[in-house]
C-alpha cells in the first residue's frame, strides 16, 4: 500500500526562533499589529510504500528521528493517509 505522510517540524517553544521574530517585526512594520507571535518551521510530504499503516508510521518516525528533525531543538508531528 502507498501512504502519504505530512510532517510538520517546528522549533521547540524554549528555543529562540530568529526567523519567526523577523517575520513578526516585518508584520508590525506593515501595520499588521494584531499578531502576537510567529514561529517558522518546515513542512515535508513523503509518499512511501508499506505493508500496513503501523509499518508506515514506524518508517516515518524513524525518518523524523534520524534525519528530518533535530530533536534537541525541534519537535515534529505528522499525519498519515492512504495515497
C-alpha atoms as a PDB file:
ATOM      1  CA  UNK A   1       0.000   0.000   0.000  1.00  0.00           C
ATOM      2  CA  UNK A   2       1.088   3.576  -0.618  1.00  0.00           C
ATOM      3  CA  UNK A   3       0.857   6.110   2.167  1.00  0.00           C
ATOM      4  CA  UNK A   4       1.330   9.869   2.273  1.00  0.00           C
ATOM      5  CA  UNK A   5       2.914  11.400   5.361  1.00  0.00           C
ATOM      6  CA  UNK A   6       2.524  15.119   6.052  1.00  0.00           C
ATOM      7  CA  UNK A   7       5.190  16.131   8.564  1.00  0.00           C
ATOM      8  CA  UNK A   8       5.447  19.443  10.411  1.00  0.00           C
ATOM      9  CA  UNK A   9       8.726  20.286  12.143  1.00  0.00           C
ATOM     10  CA  UNK A  10       8.847  23.272  14.487  1.00  0.00           C
ATOM     11  CA  UNK A  11      11.405  24.676  16.907  1.00  0.00           C
ATOM     12  CA  UNK A  12      10.569  23.747  20.483  1.00  0.00           C
ATOM     13  CA  UNK A  13       8.952  26.560  22.471  1.00  0.00           C
ATOM     14  CA  UNK A  14      12.005  27.068  24.715  1.00  0.00           C
ATOM     15  CA  UNK A  15      14.287  27.837  21.733  1.00  0.00           C
ATOM     16  CA  UNK A  16      14.532  31.356  20.298  1.00  0.00           C
ATOM     17  CA  UNK A  17      13.166  31.478  16.732  1.00  0.00           C
ATOM     18  CA  UNK A  18      15.010  34.323  14.936  1.00  0.00           C
ATOM     19  CA  UNK A  19      13.129  33.775  11.655  1.00  0.00           C
ATOM     20  CA  UNK A  20       9.809  33.989  13.458  1.00  0.00           C
ATOM     21  CA  UNK A  21      10.899  37.161  15.269  1.00  0.00           C
ATOM     22  CA  UNK A  22      11.994  38.733  11.945  1.00  0.00           C
ATOM     23  CA  UNK A  23       8.642  37.907  10.334  1.00  0.00           C
ATOM     24  CA  UNK A  24       6.778  39.265  13.360  1.00  0.00           C
ATOM     25  CA  UNK A  25       8.753  42.513  13.133  1.00  0.00           C
ATOM     26  CA  UNK A  26       8.031  42.723   9.388  1.00  0.00           C
ATOM     27  CA  UNK A  27       4.313  42.251  10.006  1.00  0.00           C
ATOM     28  CA  UNK A  28       4.321  45.012  12.602  1.00  0.00           C
ATOM     29  CA  UNK A  29       6.193  47.274  10.139  1.00  0.00           C
ATOM     30  CA  UNK A  30       3.349  46.628   7.672  1.00  0.00           C
ATOM     31  CA  UNK A  31       0.883  47.823  10.337  1.00  0.00           C
ATOM     32  CA  UNK A  32      -0.440  44.298  10.904  1.00  0.00           C
ATOM     33  CA  UNK A  33      -0.393  44.654  14.664  1.00  0.00           C
ATOM     34  CA  UNK A  34      -2.913  42.063  15.878  1.00  0.00           C
ATOM     35  CA  UNK A  35      -0.391  39.171  15.659  1.00  0.00           C
ATOM     36  CA  UNK A  36       1.196  38.206  18.983  1.00  0.00           C
ATOM     37  CA  UNK A  37       3.769  35.609  17.918  1.00  0.00           C
ATOM     38  CA  UNK A  38       5.208  33.913  14.852  1.00  0.00           C
ATOM     39  CA  UNK A  39       7.251  30.720  14.637  1.00  0.00           C
ATOM     40  CA  UNK A  40       8.784  29.382  11.431  1.00  0.00           C
ATOM     41  CA  UNK A  41       9.133  25.665  10.757  1.00  0.00           C
ATOM     42  CA  UNK A  42       9.191  23.176   7.909  1.00  0.00           C
ATOM     43  CA  UNK A  43       6.550  21.077   6.188  1.00  0.00           C
ATOM     44  CA  UNK A  44       7.602  17.844   4.477  1.00  0.00           C
ATOM     45  CA  UNK A  45       5.453  15.406   2.495  1.00  0.00           C
ATOM     46  CA  UNK A  46       6.592  11.842   1.903  1.00  0.00           C
ATOM     47  CA  UNK A  47       4.972   9.123  -0.187  1.00  0.00           C
ATOM     48  CA  UNK A  48       6.029   5.665   0.931  1.00  0.00           C
ATOM     49  CA  UNK A  49       5.234   2.037   0.294  1.00  0.00           C
ATOM     50  CA  UNK A  50       4.429  -0.080   3.356  1.00  0.00           C
ATOM     51  CA  UNK A  51       2.615  -3.310   4.145  1.00  0.00           C
ATOM     52  CA  UNK A  52       0.442  -1.695   6.819  1.00  0.00           C
ATOM     53  CA  UNK A  53      -0.296   1.628   8.459  1.00  0.00           C
ATOM     54  CA  UNK A  54       1.731   0.588  11.508  1.00  0.00           C
ATOM     55  CA  UNK A  55       4.747  -0.146   9.294  1.00  0.00           C
ATOM     56  CA  UNK A  56       4.343   3.214   7.544  1.00  0.00           C
ATOM     57  CA  UNK A  57       4.137   5.030  10.907  1.00  0.00           C
ATOM     58  CA  UNK A  58       7.304   3.315  12.068  1.00  0.00           C
ATOM     59  CA  UNK A  59       9.132   4.336   8.878  1.00  0.00           C
ATOM     60  CA  UNK A  60       8.054   7.967   9.228  1.00  0.00           C
ATOM     61  CA  UNK A  61       9.004   8.013  12.934  1.00  0.00           C
ATOM     62  CA  UNK A  62      12.458   6.668  12.060  1.00  0.00           C
ATOM     63  CA  UNK A  63      12.911   9.225   9.264  1.00  0.00           C
ATOM     64  CA  UNK A  64      11.943  12.081  11.597  1.00  0.00           C
ATOM     65  CA  UNK A  65      14.119  10.919  14.489  1.00  0.00           C
ATOM     66  CA  UNK A  66      17.185  10.007  12.424  1.00  0.00           C
ATOM     67  CA  UNK A  67      17.241  12.673   9.708  1.00  0.00           C
ATOM     68  CA  UNK A  68      14.402  15.159   9.341  1.00  0.00           C
ATOM     69  CA  UNK A  69      14.230  16.704  12.820  1.00  0.00           C
ATOM     70  CA  UNK A  70      16.935  17.803  15.222  1.00  0.00           C
ATOM     71  CA  UNK A  71      15.318  16.518  18.410  1.00  0.00           C
ATOM     72  CA  UNK A  72      17.470  18.759  20.604  1.00  0.00           C
ATOM     73  CA  UNK A  73      15.919  21.898  19.100  1.00  0.00           C
ATOM     74  CA  UNK A  74      12.834  20.733  17.181  1.00  0.00           C
ATOM     75  CA  UNK A  75       9.656  18.748  17.624  1.00  0.00           C
ATOM     76  CA  UNK A  76       7.595  17.069  14.944  1.00  0.00           C
ATOM     77  CA  UNK A  77       4.067  15.891  14.280  1.00  0.00           C
ATOM     78  CA  UNK A  78       2.721  14.011  11.302  1.00  0.00           C
ATOM     79  CA  UNK A  79      -0.434  12.664   9.777  1.00  0.00           C
ATOM     80  CA  UNK A  80      -0.620   9.595   7.612  1.00  0.00           C
ATOM     81  CA  UNK A  81      -3.165   8.833   4.917  1.00  0.00           C
ATOM     82  CA  UNK A  82      -3.504   6.389   2.056  1.00  0.00           C
ATOM     83  CA  UNK A  83      -2.074   7.791  -1.161  1.00  0.00           C
END
